[in-house]
N, C-alpha and C. Protein backbone atom coordinates (compact mmCIF):
# COMPACT_ATOMS: atom_id res chain seq x y z
N MET A 1 17.21 -5.64 17.31
CA MET A 1 17.16 -5.33 18.73
C MET A 1 17.03 -3.83 18.97
N ALA A 2 17.70 -3.04 18.13
CA ALA A 2 17.60 -1.58 18.30
C ALA A 2 16.17 -1.11 18.13
N SER A 3 15.47 -1.71 17.16
CA SER A 3 14.08 -1.31 16.94
C SER A 3 13.21 -1.67 18.14
N ILE A 4 13.41 -2.87 18.68
CA ILE A 4 12.62 -3.30 19.84
C ILE A 4 12.91 -2.39 21.03
N TYR A 5 14.20 -2.07 21.25
CA TYR A 5 14.58 -1.21 22.36
C TYR A 5 13.98 0.18 22.20
N ALA A 6 14.09 0.71 20.97
CA ALA A 6 13.57 2.05 20.71
C ALA A 6 12.07 2.08 20.91
N TYR A 7 11.37 1.05 20.45
CA TYR A 7 9.92 1.04 20.62
C TYR A 7 9.53 0.92 22.09
N ALA A 8 10.22 0.03 22.80
CA ALA A 8 9.86 -0.18 24.20
C ALA A 8 9.99 1.10 25.01
N TYR A 9 11.07 1.83 24.79
CA TYR A 9 11.25 3.06 25.55
C TYR A 9 10.40 4.19 25.00
N GLY A 10 10.16 4.17 23.68
CA GLY A 10 9.33 5.23 23.10
C GLY A 10 7.87 5.06 23.42
N ALA A 11 7.42 3.82 23.56
CA ALA A 11 6.00 3.58 23.76
C ALA A 11 5.59 3.63 25.22
N PHE A 12 6.55 3.64 26.12
CA PHE A 12 6.20 3.62 27.53
C PHE A 12 6.86 4.79 28.25
N PRO A 13 6.40 6.02 27.98
CA PRO A 13 6.96 7.17 28.68
C PRO A 13 6.61 7.14 30.16
N VAL A 14 7.39 7.89 30.94
CA VAL A 14 7.22 7.89 32.38
C VAL A 14 5.92 8.57 32.77
N ILE A 15 5.22 8.00 33.73
CA ILE A 15 3.98 8.58 34.21
C ILE A 15 4.12 8.94 35.68
N GLU A 16 3.73 10.14 36.00
CA GLU A 16 3.71 10.57 37.39
C GLU A 16 2.29 11.01 37.70
N GLY A 17 1.64 10.29 38.59
CA GLY A 17 0.25 10.59 38.90
C GLY A 17 -0.63 10.26 37.72
N THR A 18 -1.35 11.29 37.23
CA THR A 18 -2.26 11.07 36.11
C THR A 18 -1.75 11.72 34.84
N SER A 19 -0.55 12.31 34.86
CA SER A 19 -0.03 13.00 33.69
C SER A 19 1.23 12.34 33.19
N LEU A 20 1.45 12.44 31.89
CA LEU A 20 2.68 11.94 31.31
C LEU A 20 3.78 12.98 31.49
N GLU A 21 4.99 12.52 31.75
CA GLU A 21 6.10 13.42 32.02
C GLU A 21 6.87 13.71 30.74
N PHE A 22 7.12 15.00 30.47
CA PHE A 22 7.81 15.40 29.24
C PHE A 22 9.13 16.10 29.57
N ASN A 23 9.66 16.80 28.55
CA ASN A 23 10.95 17.47 28.66
C ASN A 23 12.08 16.49 29.00
N ARG A 24 11.97 15.29 28.48
CA ARG A 24 13.01 14.27 28.66
C ARG A 24 13.71 14.08 27.31
N TRP A 25 14.41 15.13 26.90
CA TRP A 25 15.00 15.15 25.56
C TRP A 25 16.10 14.12 25.39
N SER A 26 16.77 13.75 26.45
CA SER A 26 17.82 12.73 26.32
C SER A 26 17.22 11.40 25.87
N PHE A 27 16.02 11.07 26.35
CA PHE A 27 15.36 9.85 25.91
C PHE A 27 14.94 9.96 24.45
N ALA A 28 14.46 11.14 24.06
CA ALA A 28 14.08 11.34 22.66
C ALA A 28 15.28 11.15 21.74
N VAL A 29 16.41 11.75 22.09
CA VAL A 29 17.61 11.64 21.27
C VAL A 29 18.10 10.19 21.22
N LEU A 30 18.07 9.50 22.36
CA LEU A 30 18.51 8.10 22.40
C LEU A 30 17.67 7.24 21.46
N ASN A 31 16.35 7.41 21.51
CA ASN A 31 15.48 6.63 20.64
C ASN A 31 15.72 6.94 19.17
N ILE A 32 15.91 8.21 18.85
CA ILE A 32 16.15 8.61 17.46
C ILE A 32 17.46 8.01 16.95
N VAL A 33 18.50 8.04 17.77
CA VAL A 33 19.79 7.46 17.37
C VAL A 33 19.66 5.96 17.15
N LEU A 34 18.95 5.27 18.04
CA LEU A 34 18.79 3.83 17.90
C LEU A 34 18.02 3.47 16.64
N VAL A 35 16.98 4.23 16.34
CA VAL A 35 16.21 3.97 15.11
C VAL A 35 17.08 4.22 13.89
N GLY A 36 17.91 5.28 13.92
CA GLY A 36 18.81 5.55 12.82
C GLY A 36 19.80 4.42 12.60
N LEU A 37 20.36 3.89 13.68
CA LEU A 37 21.28 2.76 13.57
C LEU A 37 20.57 1.53 13.02
N PHE A 38 19.35 1.32 13.48
CA PHE A 38 18.56 0.18 13.00
C PHE A 38 18.33 0.28 11.49
N LEU A 39 17.95 1.46 11.01
CA LEU A 39 17.72 1.63 9.57
C LEU A 39 18.99 1.38 8.77
N GLY A 40 20.13 1.78 9.34
CA GLY A 40 21.39 1.55 8.65
C GLY A 40 21.73 0.08 8.51
N LEU A 41 21.19 -0.76 9.39
CA LEU A 41 21.47 -2.19 9.34
C LEU A 41 20.48 -2.97 8.50
N VAL A 42 19.38 -2.33 8.11
CA VAL A 42 18.35 -3.02 7.32
C VAL A 42 18.64 -2.80 5.84
N PRO A 43 19.00 -3.85 5.11
CA PRO A 43 19.34 -3.67 3.70
C PRO A 43 18.10 -3.52 2.84
N LEU A 44 18.20 -2.66 1.82
CA LEU A 44 17.17 -2.65 0.79
C LEU A 44 17.37 -3.90 -0.06
N ARG A 45 16.28 -4.40 -0.62
CA ARG A 45 16.40 -5.65 -1.38
C ARG A 45 17.31 -5.47 -2.60
N VAL A 46 17.21 -4.33 -3.23
CA VAL A 46 18.16 -3.93 -4.27
C VAL A 46 18.60 -2.52 -3.94
N LYS A 47 19.77 -2.13 -4.43
CA LYS A 47 20.26 -0.79 -4.15
C LYS A 47 19.33 0.23 -4.82
N GLY A 48 18.92 1.22 -4.07
CA GLY A 48 17.99 2.19 -4.64
C GLY A 48 17.81 3.38 -3.73
N SER A 49 16.71 4.07 -3.92
CA SER A 49 16.44 5.31 -3.20
C SER A 49 16.22 5.05 -1.71
N TRP A 50 16.75 5.98 -0.89
CA TRP A 50 16.53 5.93 0.54
C TRP A 50 15.46 6.94 0.95
N LYS A 51 14.70 7.44 -0.03
CA LYS A 51 13.70 8.46 0.27
C LYS A 51 12.66 7.93 1.26
N ALA A 52 12.20 6.70 1.07
CA ALA A 52 11.19 6.13 1.97
C ALA A 52 11.75 5.98 3.38
N HIS A 53 12.98 5.48 3.49
CA HIS A 53 13.59 5.33 4.81
C HIS A 53 13.82 6.70 5.45
N GLY A 54 14.14 7.71 4.64
CA GLY A 54 14.31 9.05 5.18
C GLY A 54 13.02 9.58 5.78
N THR A 55 11.90 9.32 5.11
CA THR A 55 10.60 9.74 5.63
C THR A 55 10.25 8.95 6.88
N TYR A 56 10.61 7.66 6.90
CA TYR A 56 10.41 6.84 8.10
C TYR A 56 11.16 7.46 9.28
N MET A 57 12.39 7.91 9.02
CA MET A 57 13.19 8.53 10.08
C MET A 57 12.52 9.83 10.54
N GLY A 58 11.99 10.60 9.59
CA GLY A 58 11.28 11.82 9.96
C GLY A 58 10.07 11.53 10.82
N PHE A 59 9.36 10.45 10.51
CA PHE A 59 8.21 10.03 11.31
C PHE A 59 8.65 9.77 12.74
N MET A 60 9.76 9.03 12.91
CA MET A 60 10.22 8.68 14.24
C MET A 60 10.72 9.90 15.02
N VAL A 61 11.41 10.80 14.33
CA VAL A 61 11.87 12.02 14.99
C VAL A 61 10.68 12.81 15.52
N SER A 62 9.66 12.96 14.68
CA SER A 62 8.46 13.69 15.10
C SER A 62 7.78 13.00 16.27
N LEU A 63 7.68 11.66 16.18
CA LEU A 63 7.01 10.89 17.23
C LEU A 63 7.72 11.04 18.57
N PHE A 64 9.03 10.79 18.59
CA PHE A 64 9.76 10.81 19.85
C PHE A 64 9.91 12.23 20.41
N ALA A 65 9.98 13.23 19.52
CA ALA A 65 10.07 14.61 19.99
C ALA A 65 8.82 14.99 20.78
N GLU A 66 7.65 14.54 20.29
CA GLU A 66 6.42 14.84 21.01
C GLU A 66 6.20 13.90 22.19
N MET A 67 6.64 12.67 22.05
CA MET A 67 6.41 11.69 23.11
C MET A 67 7.23 12.01 24.35
N TYR A 68 8.47 12.48 24.14
CA TYR A 68 9.35 12.72 25.28
C TYR A 68 9.68 14.19 25.49
N GLY A 69 9.63 14.99 24.42
CA GLY A 69 10.03 16.38 24.55
C GLY A 69 8.87 17.30 24.84
N PHE A 70 8.26 17.83 23.78
CA PHE A 70 7.14 18.76 23.93
C PHE A 70 5.95 18.23 23.15
N PRO A 71 4.83 17.90 23.81
CA PRO A 71 3.67 17.30 23.14
C PRO A 71 2.85 18.34 22.39
N LEU A 72 3.37 18.82 21.27
CA LEU A 72 2.74 19.92 20.55
C LEU A 72 1.30 19.61 20.16
N THR A 73 1.07 18.40 19.61
CA THR A 73 -0.28 18.05 19.16
C THR A 73 -1.28 18.07 20.31
N VAL A 74 -0.91 17.42 21.41
CA VAL A 74 -1.81 17.37 22.56
C VAL A 74 -2.02 18.77 23.12
N TYR A 75 -0.96 19.56 23.12
CA TYR A 75 -1.04 20.94 23.62
C TYR A 75 -2.04 21.75 22.79
N LEU A 76 -1.97 21.60 21.46
CA LEU A 76 -2.87 22.36 20.59
C LEU A 76 -4.31 21.88 20.70
N LEU A 77 -4.50 20.57 20.81
CA LEU A 77 -5.85 20.01 20.81
C LEU A 77 -6.53 20.04 22.17
N SER A 78 -5.79 20.40 23.20
CA SER A 78 -6.39 20.42 24.54
C SER A 78 -6.51 21.84 25.08
N SER A 79 -6.62 22.81 24.16
CA SER A 79 -6.77 24.22 24.54
C SER A 79 -5.65 24.67 25.45
N ALA A 80 -4.43 24.28 25.08
CA ALA A 80 -3.23 24.70 25.79
C ALA A 80 -3.18 24.17 27.22
N THR A 81 -3.85 23.04 27.47
CA THR A 81 -3.75 22.40 28.78
C THR A 81 -2.42 21.67 28.86
N TYR A 82 -1.61 22.01 29.83
CA TYR A 82 -0.28 21.42 29.95
C TYR A 82 0.09 21.35 31.42
N PRO A 83 0.52 20.22 31.96
CA PRO A 83 0.82 18.99 31.25
C PRO A 83 -0.42 18.25 30.76
N VAL A 84 -0.20 17.13 30.12
CA VAL A 84 -1.27 16.41 29.44
C VAL A 84 -2.35 15.98 30.42
N SER A 85 -3.59 16.08 29.98
CA SER A 85 -4.70 15.72 30.83
C SER A 85 -4.77 14.21 31.04
N PRO A 86 -5.43 13.77 32.12
CA PRO A 86 -5.59 12.34 32.37
C PRO A 86 -6.33 11.62 31.23
N LEU A 87 -7.15 12.36 30.47
CA LEU A 87 -7.89 11.74 29.37
C LEU A 87 -6.94 11.17 28.33
N PHE A 88 -5.92 11.94 27.93
CA PHE A 88 -4.97 11.44 26.95
C PHE A 88 -4.12 10.32 27.53
N SER A 89 -3.71 10.47 28.79
CA SER A 89 -2.95 9.41 29.45
C SER A 89 -3.74 8.11 29.45
N GLY A 90 -5.04 8.21 29.73
CA GLY A 90 -5.88 7.02 29.73
C GLY A 90 -5.97 6.39 28.36
N TYR A 91 -6.05 7.23 27.30
CA TYR A 91 -6.09 6.68 25.94
C TYR A 91 -4.81 5.91 25.64
N VAL A 92 -3.66 6.50 25.96
CA VAL A 92 -2.37 5.86 25.65
C VAL A 92 -2.30 4.47 26.25
N TRP A 93 -2.70 4.35 27.50
CA TRP A 93 -2.52 3.08 28.20
C TRP A 93 -3.66 2.10 28.00
N ARG A 94 -4.88 2.59 27.80
CA ARG A 94 -6.03 1.68 27.73
C ARG A 94 -6.43 1.35 26.30
N VAL A 95 -6.11 2.22 25.35
CA VAL A 95 -6.49 1.99 23.96
C VAL A 95 -5.25 1.89 23.07
N GLY A 96 -4.41 2.91 23.13
CA GLY A 96 -3.25 2.95 22.25
C GLY A 96 -2.36 1.73 22.37
N GLN A 97 -1.99 1.38 23.59
CA GLN A 97 -1.12 0.23 23.79
C GLN A 97 -1.80 -1.08 23.38
N LEU A 98 -3.07 -1.20 23.70
CA LEU A 98 -3.79 -2.44 23.43
C LEU A 98 -3.89 -2.71 21.93
N VAL A 99 -4.12 -1.66 21.14
CA VAL A 99 -4.30 -1.82 19.70
C VAL A 99 -2.98 -1.68 18.95
N GLY A 100 -2.19 -0.69 19.34
CA GLY A 100 -0.97 -0.39 18.59
C GLY A 100 0.18 -1.33 18.84
N SER A 101 0.35 -1.78 20.07
CA SER A 101 1.51 -2.62 20.40
C SER A 101 1.57 -3.92 19.59
N PRO A 102 0.46 -4.65 19.42
CA PRO A 102 0.53 -5.87 18.59
C PRO A 102 0.96 -5.57 17.15
N LEU A 103 0.52 -4.44 16.59
CA LEU A 103 0.93 -4.09 15.24
C LEU A 103 2.43 -3.85 15.16
N VAL A 104 2.97 -3.18 16.17
CA VAL A 104 4.41 -2.92 16.20
C VAL A 104 5.19 -4.23 16.28
N ILE A 105 4.75 -5.12 17.13
CA ILE A 105 5.45 -6.41 17.29
C ILE A 105 5.42 -7.21 16.00
N ILE A 106 4.25 -7.27 15.35
CA ILE A 106 4.14 -7.98 14.07
C ILE A 106 5.06 -7.34 13.03
N GLY A 107 5.09 -6.01 13.01
CA GLY A 107 5.96 -5.31 12.06
C GLY A 107 7.42 -5.62 12.27
N ILE A 108 7.87 -5.64 13.53
CA ILE A 108 9.26 -5.94 13.84
C ILE A 108 9.61 -7.36 13.40
N VAL A 109 8.70 -8.30 13.63
CA VAL A 109 8.93 -9.69 13.22
C VAL A 109 9.07 -9.78 11.69
N LEU A 110 8.22 -9.07 10.96
CA LEU A 110 8.30 -9.08 9.50
C LEU A 110 9.61 -8.49 9.00
N ILE A 111 10.04 -7.38 9.62
CA ILE A 111 11.31 -6.77 9.22
C ILE A 111 12.46 -7.75 9.45
N TYR A 112 12.46 -8.40 10.60
CA TYR A 112 13.53 -9.35 10.92
C TYR A 112 13.53 -10.53 9.95
N LYS A 113 12.35 -11.08 9.70
CA LYS A 113 12.28 -12.24 8.81
C LYS A 113 12.71 -11.88 7.40
N GLY A 114 12.31 -10.70 6.92
CA GLY A 114 12.75 -10.27 5.61
C GLY A 114 14.25 -10.04 5.56
N TRP A 115 14.78 -9.40 6.60
CA TRP A 115 16.23 -9.15 6.68
C TRP A 115 17.01 -10.46 6.67
N LYS A 116 16.54 -11.43 7.42
CA LYS A 116 17.25 -12.70 7.54
C LYS A 116 17.37 -13.41 6.20
N GLU A 117 16.36 -13.26 5.35
CA GLU A 117 16.36 -13.97 4.08
C GLU A 117 17.28 -13.32 3.04
N ILE A 118 17.43 -11.98 3.08
CA ILE A 118 18.12 -11.31 1.98
C ILE A 118 19.47 -10.71 2.34
N VAL A 119 19.83 -10.70 3.62
CA VAL A 119 21.02 -9.95 4.03
C VAL A 119 22.28 -10.41 3.31
N PHE A 120 22.41 -11.70 3.01
CA PHE A 120 23.61 -12.20 2.35
C PHE A 120 23.42 -12.48 0.86
N LEU A 121 22.18 -12.31 0.37
CA LEU A 121 21.89 -12.68 -1.01
C LEU A 121 21.46 -11.50 -1.86
N ARG A 122 21.53 -10.28 -1.33
CA ARG A 122 21.01 -9.12 -2.05
C ARG A 122 21.66 -8.98 -3.42
N GLY A 123 20.82 -8.99 -4.44
CA GLY A 123 21.30 -8.77 -5.80
C GLY A 123 21.89 -9.98 -6.48
N THR A 124 22.11 -11.08 -5.74
CA THR A 124 22.74 -12.25 -6.34
C THR A 124 21.75 -13.36 -6.65
N ALA A 125 20.58 -13.34 -6.03
CA ALA A 125 19.57 -14.37 -6.26
C ALA A 125 18.20 -13.79 -5.96
N LEU A 126 17.19 -14.35 -6.59
CA LEU A 126 15.82 -13.94 -6.30
C LEU A 126 15.33 -14.75 -5.11
N VAL A 127 15.11 -14.07 -4.00
CA VAL A 127 14.68 -14.75 -2.78
C VAL A 127 13.17 -14.93 -2.81
N THR A 128 12.72 -16.17 -2.79
CA THR A 128 11.28 -16.46 -2.84
C THR A 128 10.84 -17.38 -1.71
N GLN A 129 11.77 -17.78 -0.86
CA GLN A 129 11.43 -18.71 0.21
C GLN A 129 11.10 -17.95 1.50
N GLY A 130 10.69 -18.71 2.51
CA GLY A 130 10.40 -18.11 3.81
C GLY A 130 9.27 -17.10 3.73
N ILE A 131 9.47 -15.96 4.38
CA ILE A 131 8.43 -14.93 4.41
C ILE A 131 8.16 -14.38 3.02
N TYR A 132 9.14 -14.50 2.11
CA TYR A 132 8.94 -14.01 0.74
C TYR A 132 8.04 -14.93 -0.08
N SER A 133 7.65 -16.04 0.47
CA SER A 133 6.65 -16.88 -0.19
C SER A 133 5.24 -16.47 0.24
N VAL A 134 5.15 -15.56 1.22
CA VAL A 134 3.85 -15.08 1.72
C VAL A 134 3.51 -13.72 1.12
N VAL A 135 4.47 -12.79 1.17
CA VAL A 135 4.32 -11.47 0.54
C VAL A 135 5.65 -11.11 -0.12
N ARG A 136 5.58 -10.25 -1.13
CA ARG A 136 6.79 -9.90 -1.87
C ARG A 136 7.64 -8.85 -1.16
N HIS A 137 7.03 -8.07 -0.27
CA HIS A 137 7.76 -6.99 0.39
C HIS A 137 7.48 -7.00 1.90
N PRO A 138 7.92 -8.03 2.60
CA PRO A 138 7.62 -8.11 4.04
C PRO A 138 8.26 -7.00 4.86
N GLN A 139 9.46 -6.54 4.46
CA GLN A 139 10.11 -5.49 5.24
C GLN A 139 9.35 -4.17 5.14
N TYR A 140 8.93 -3.82 3.95
CA TYR A 140 8.17 -2.57 3.81
C TYR A 140 6.83 -2.67 4.53
N LEU A 141 6.19 -3.82 4.45
CA LEU A 141 4.96 -4.02 5.21
C LEU A 141 5.25 -3.88 6.70
N GLY A 142 6.39 -4.42 7.15
CA GLY A 142 6.77 -4.31 8.55
C GLY A 142 6.96 -2.87 8.98
N PHE A 143 7.66 -2.07 8.16
CA PHE A 143 7.86 -0.66 8.49
C PHE A 143 6.52 0.07 8.60
N LEU A 144 5.60 -0.24 7.71
CA LEU A 144 4.29 0.42 7.75
C LEU A 144 3.49 0.01 8.98
N LEU A 145 3.59 -1.26 9.37
CA LEU A 145 2.87 -1.70 10.57
C LEU A 145 3.48 -1.10 11.83
N VAL A 146 4.81 -1.01 11.88
CA VAL A 146 5.46 -0.40 13.05
C VAL A 146 5.02 1.05 13.21
N THR A 147 5.05 1.80 12.11
CA THR A 147 4.67 3.21 12.20
C THR A 147 3.18 3.38 12.47
N LEU A 148 2.34 2.53 11.88
CA LEU A 148 0.91 2.61 12.16
C LEU A 148 0.64 2.30 13.62
N GLY A 149 1.30 1.26 14.14
CA GLY A 149 1.12 0.92 15.55
C GLY A 149 1.55 2.03 16.48
N GLN A 150 2.69 2.65 16.18
CA GLN A 150 3.17 3.73 17.03
C GLN A 150 2.30 4.97 16.91
N PHE A 151 1.73 5.18 15.72
CA PHE A 151 0.79 6.29 15.57
C PHE A 151 -0.45 6.06 16.43
N ILE A 152 -0.93 4.81 16.46
CA ILE A 152 -2.11 4.50 17.28
C ILE A 152 -1.78 4.68 18.76
N VAL A 153 -0.57 4.26 19.16
CA VAL A 153 -0.16 4.43 20.56
C VAL A 153 -0.10 5.91 20.93
N TRP A 154 0.50 6.71 20.03
CA TRP A 154 0.72 8.12 20.36
C TRP A 154 0.42 8.96 19.12
N PRO A 155 -0.85 9.26 18.84
CA PRO A 155 -1.20 10.00 17.63
C PRO A 155 -0.77 11.47 17.70
N THR A 156 -0.18 11.96 16.62
CA THR A 156 0.20 13.37 16.53
C THR A 156 -0.19 13.89 15.14
N ILE A 157 -0.27 15.19 15.01
CA ILE A 157 -0.61 15.78 13.72
C ILE A 157 0.47 15.49 12.67
N PRO A 158 1.78 15.69 12.98
CA PRO A 158 2.79 15.39 11.96
C PRO A 158 2.79 13.94 11.51
N THR A 159 2.65 12.99 12.44
CA THR A 159 2.67 11.58 12.04
C THR A 159 1.41 11.20 11.27
N ALA A 160 0.28 11.87 11.56
CA ALA A 160 -0.93 11.62 10.78
C ALA A 160 -0.74 12.04 9.33
N ILE A 161 0.05 13.08 9.12
CA ILE A 161 0.35 13.54 7.76
C ILE A 161 1.39 12.64 7.10
N LEU A 162 2.38 12.22 7.88
CA LEU A 162 3.50 11.47 7.31
C LEU A 162 3.15 10.02 6.99
N TRP A 163 2.22 9.41 7.73
CA TRP A 163 1.98 7.98 7.49
C TRP A 163 1.44 7.69 6.09
N PRO A 164 0.44 8.43 5.58
CA PRO A 164 0.03 8.19 4.19
C PRO A 164 1.16 8.43 3.19
N VAL A 165 2.03 9.40 3.49
CA VAL A 165 3.19 9.63 2.62
C VAL A 165 4.11 8.42 2.62
N LEU A 166 4.30 7.83 3.81
CA LEU A 166 5.12 6.62 3.91
C LEU A 166 4.54 5.49 3.07
N VAL A 167 3.23 5.31 3.13
CA VAL A 167 2.58 4.26 2.34
C VAL A 167 2.89 4.46 0.86
N LEU A 168 2.73 5.68 0.38
CA LEU A 168 2.99 5.98 -1.03
C LEU A 168 4.45 5.75 -1.39
N LEU A 169 5.37 6.21 -0.54
CA LEU A 169 6.80 6.09 -0.85
C LEU A 169 7.25 4.63 -0.86
N TYR A 170 6.79 3.84 0.12
CA TYR A 170 7.19 2.43 0.13
C TYR A 170 6.56 1.66 -1.03
N TYR A 171 5.36 2.05 -1.42
CA TYR A 171 4.74 1.41 -2.58
C TYR A 171 5.55 1.72 -3.84
N ARG A 172 5.91 2.99 -4.03
CA ARG A 172 6.69 3.37 -5.20
C ARG A 172 8.07 2.72 -5.19
N GLN A 173 8.68 2.65 -3.99
CA GLN A 173 9.98 1.99 -3.89
C GLN A 173 9.86 0.51 -4.25
N ALA A 174 8.79 -0.13 -3.79
CA ALA A 174 8.57 -1.54 -4.11
C ALA A 174 8.40 -1.74 -5.61
N LYS A 175 7.67 -0.85 -6.27
CA LYS A 175 7.48 -0.97 -7.71
C LYS A 175 8.80 -0.79 -8.46
N ARG A 176 9.64 0.14 -8.01
CA ARG A 176 10.95 0.32 -8.64
C ARG A 176 11.81 -0.93 -8.47
N GLU A 177 11.79 -1.49 -7.28
CA GLU A 177 12.56 -2.71 -7.04
C GLU A 177 12.07 -3.85 -7.93
N GLU A 178 10.76 -3.96 -8.06
CA GLU A 178 10.21 -5.05 -8.86
C GLU A 178 10.57 -4.89 -10.34
N ALA A 179 10.63 -3.66 -10.82
CA ALA A 179 11.03 -3.44 -12.21
C ALA A 179 12.47 -3.92 -12.42
N MET A 180 13.34 -3.64 -11.44
CA MET A 180 14.73 -4.08 -11.53
C MET A 180 14.84 -5.60 -11.42
N LEU A 181 14.05 -6.18 -10.53
CA LEU A 181 14.07 -7.64 -10.37
C LEU A 181 13.54 -8.33 -11.62
N ALA A 182 12.51 -7.76 -12.23
CA ALA A 182 11.96 -8.34 -13.45
C ALA A 182 12.98 -8.30 -14.58
N GLU A 183 13.73 -7.20 -14.64
CA GLU A 183 14.76 -7.09 -15.68
C GLU A 183 15.89 -8.07 -15.45
N THR A 184 16.21 -8.32 -14.18
CA THR A 184 17.34 -9.20 -13.85
C THR A 184 16.97 -10.67 -13.93
N PHE A 185 15.79 -11.02 -13.41
CA PHE A 185 15.45 -12.44 -13.27
C PHE A 185 14.36 -12.91 -14.23
N GLY A 186 13.75 -11.99 -14.96
CA GLY A 186 12.83 -12.36 -16.02
C GLY A 186 11.67 -13.23 -15.59
N GLN A 187 11.52 -14.37 -16.26
CA GLN A 187 10.38 -15.25 -16.04
C GLN A 187 10.32 -15.78 -14.61
N GLN A 188 11.47 -15.97 -14.00
CA GLN A 188 11.49 -16.44 -12.61
C GLN A 188 10.77 -15.44 -11.70
N PHE A 189 11.03 -14.15 -11.92
CA PHE A 189 10.35 -13.13 -11.12
C PHE A 189 8.86 -13.12 -11.40
N HIS A 190 8.47 -13.15 -12.68
CA HIS A 190 7.06 -13.06 -13.04
C HIS A 190 6.28 -14.25 -12.49
N ALA A 191 6.88 -15.43 -12.50
CA ALA A 191 6.21 -16.61 -11.95
C ALA A 191 5.98 -16.45 -10.45
N TRP A 192 6.98 -15.93 -9.76
CA TRP A 192 6.85 -15.71 -8.31
C TRP A 192 5.83 -14.62 -8.01
N ALA A 193 5.89 -13.51 -8.76
CA ALA A 193 4.98 -12.39 -8.52
C ALA A 193 3.53 -12.76 -8.82
N SER A 194 3.32 -13.67 -9.75
CA SER A 194 1.95 -14.03 -10.13
C SER A 194 1.23 -14.80 -9.03
N LYS A 195 1.98 -15.42 -8.12
CA LYS A 195 1.35 -16.22 -7.07
C LYS A 195 1.58 -15.68 -5.67
N THR A 196 2.37 -14.60 -5.55
CA THR A 196 2.69 -14.04 -4.24
C THR A 196 2.22 -12.59 -4.17
N PRO A 197 1.34 -12.24 -3.22
CA PRO A 197 0.84 -10.86 -3.12
C PRO A 197 1.96 -9.87 -2.81
N MET A 198 1.73 -8.62 -3.15
CA MET A 198 2.74 -7.58 -2.95
C MET A 198 2.92 -7.26 -1.46
N PHE A 199 1.82 -6.94 -0.78
CA PHE A 199 1.90 -6.56 0.63
C PHE A 199 0.97 -7.37 1.53
N LEU A 200 -0.25 -7.60 1.10
CA LEU A 200 -1.24 -8.25 1.96
C LEU A 200 -1.31 -9.73 1.67
N PRO A 201 -1.05 -10.58 2.65
CA PRO A 201 -1.06 -12.03 2.40
C PRO A 201 -2.44 -12.53 2.01
N LYS A 202 -2.45 -13.64 1.30
CA LYS A 202 -3.72 -14.23 0.88
C LYS A 202 -4.49 -14.75 2.08
N ILE A 203 -5.80 -14.59 2.02
CA ILE A 203 -6.67 -15.09 3.08
C ILE A 203 -7.00 -16.55 2.78
N ARG A 204 -6.70 -17.41 3.73
CA ARG A 204 -6.97 -18.83 3.55
C ARG A 204 -8.42 -19.13 3.88
N LEU A 205 -9.17 -19.53 2.87
CA LEU A 205 -10.58 -19.85 3.05
C LEU A 205 -10.74 -21.33 3.39
N PRO A 206 -11.93 -21.74 3.84
CA PRO A 206 -12.16 -23.16 4.13
C PRO A 206 -11.84 -24.05 2.94
N HIS A 207 -11.59 -25.30 3.22
CA HIS A 207 -11.20 -26.27 2.19
C HIS A 207 -12.21 -26.28 1.05
N GLY A 208 -11.68 -26.21 -0.16
CA GLY A 208 -12.54 -26.22 -1.34
C GLY A 208 -12.74 -24.85 -1.94
N SER A 209 -12.38 -23.78 -1.20
CA SER A 209 -12.49 -22.42 -1.72
C SER A 209 -11.12 -21.92 -2.12
N LYS A 210 -11.09 -20.99 -3.06
CA LYS A 210 -9.83 -20.43 -3.50
C LYS A 210 -9.39 -19.33 -2.55
N PRO A 211 -8.07 -19.29 -2.21
CA PRO A 211 -7.58 -18.19 -1.37
C PRO A 211 -7.66 -16.87 -2.11
N VAL A 212 -7.92 -15.80 -1.39
CA VAL A 212 -8.01 -14.49 -2.02
C VAL A 212 -7.05 -13.55 -1.33
N SER A 213 -6.59 -12.56 -2.08
CA SER A 213 -5.72 -11.53 -1.53
C SER A 213 -6.47 -10.22 -1.54
N PRO A 214 -6.60 -9.56 -0.37
CA PRO A 214 -7.36 -8.31 -0.32
C PRO A 214 -6.68 -7.21 -1.11
């Protein structure tokens, strides 16, 4: 719920006339705190590095600081035009929301479904049912979709730099987790991994064709 609340308020800043309203630092701080609480409630599948989650938090801090506080990226790219021009406002509402919002919603659903499956079983059993029968790391995929969607809604220079870093960090974290799971569960893990994609679900082709994973 914290993630949904933070996204809803972060993705829909106040509009007055044709310009977006900034210098609302209390909203920025509120969203950052909610995202931090949300991350604290999301368990890693196995105990390990929080480096990826730390970068995720940095992404959100940068996003909300520009979304509600001072729009540094827009300021730099619009020849110091401030407040934001109607052109950027139009992009946020006509393009950013239309494309980015569905990605955020899908990401939140994946995070929740992954959390629901492992919250009480972390480290005690290999979870392969539910969403884990579709992809091996639904929560990490969810985090990447949420951040990608929010970047599309409100693109900034810092988040453009941080998102590829997030992809790399979550991939490396997933590989570390899989090494630990393979050591703990052996053949059971390898059998599951051989038929379940890491991040991208298999594409179901028409009857008679083999499913493929991109």
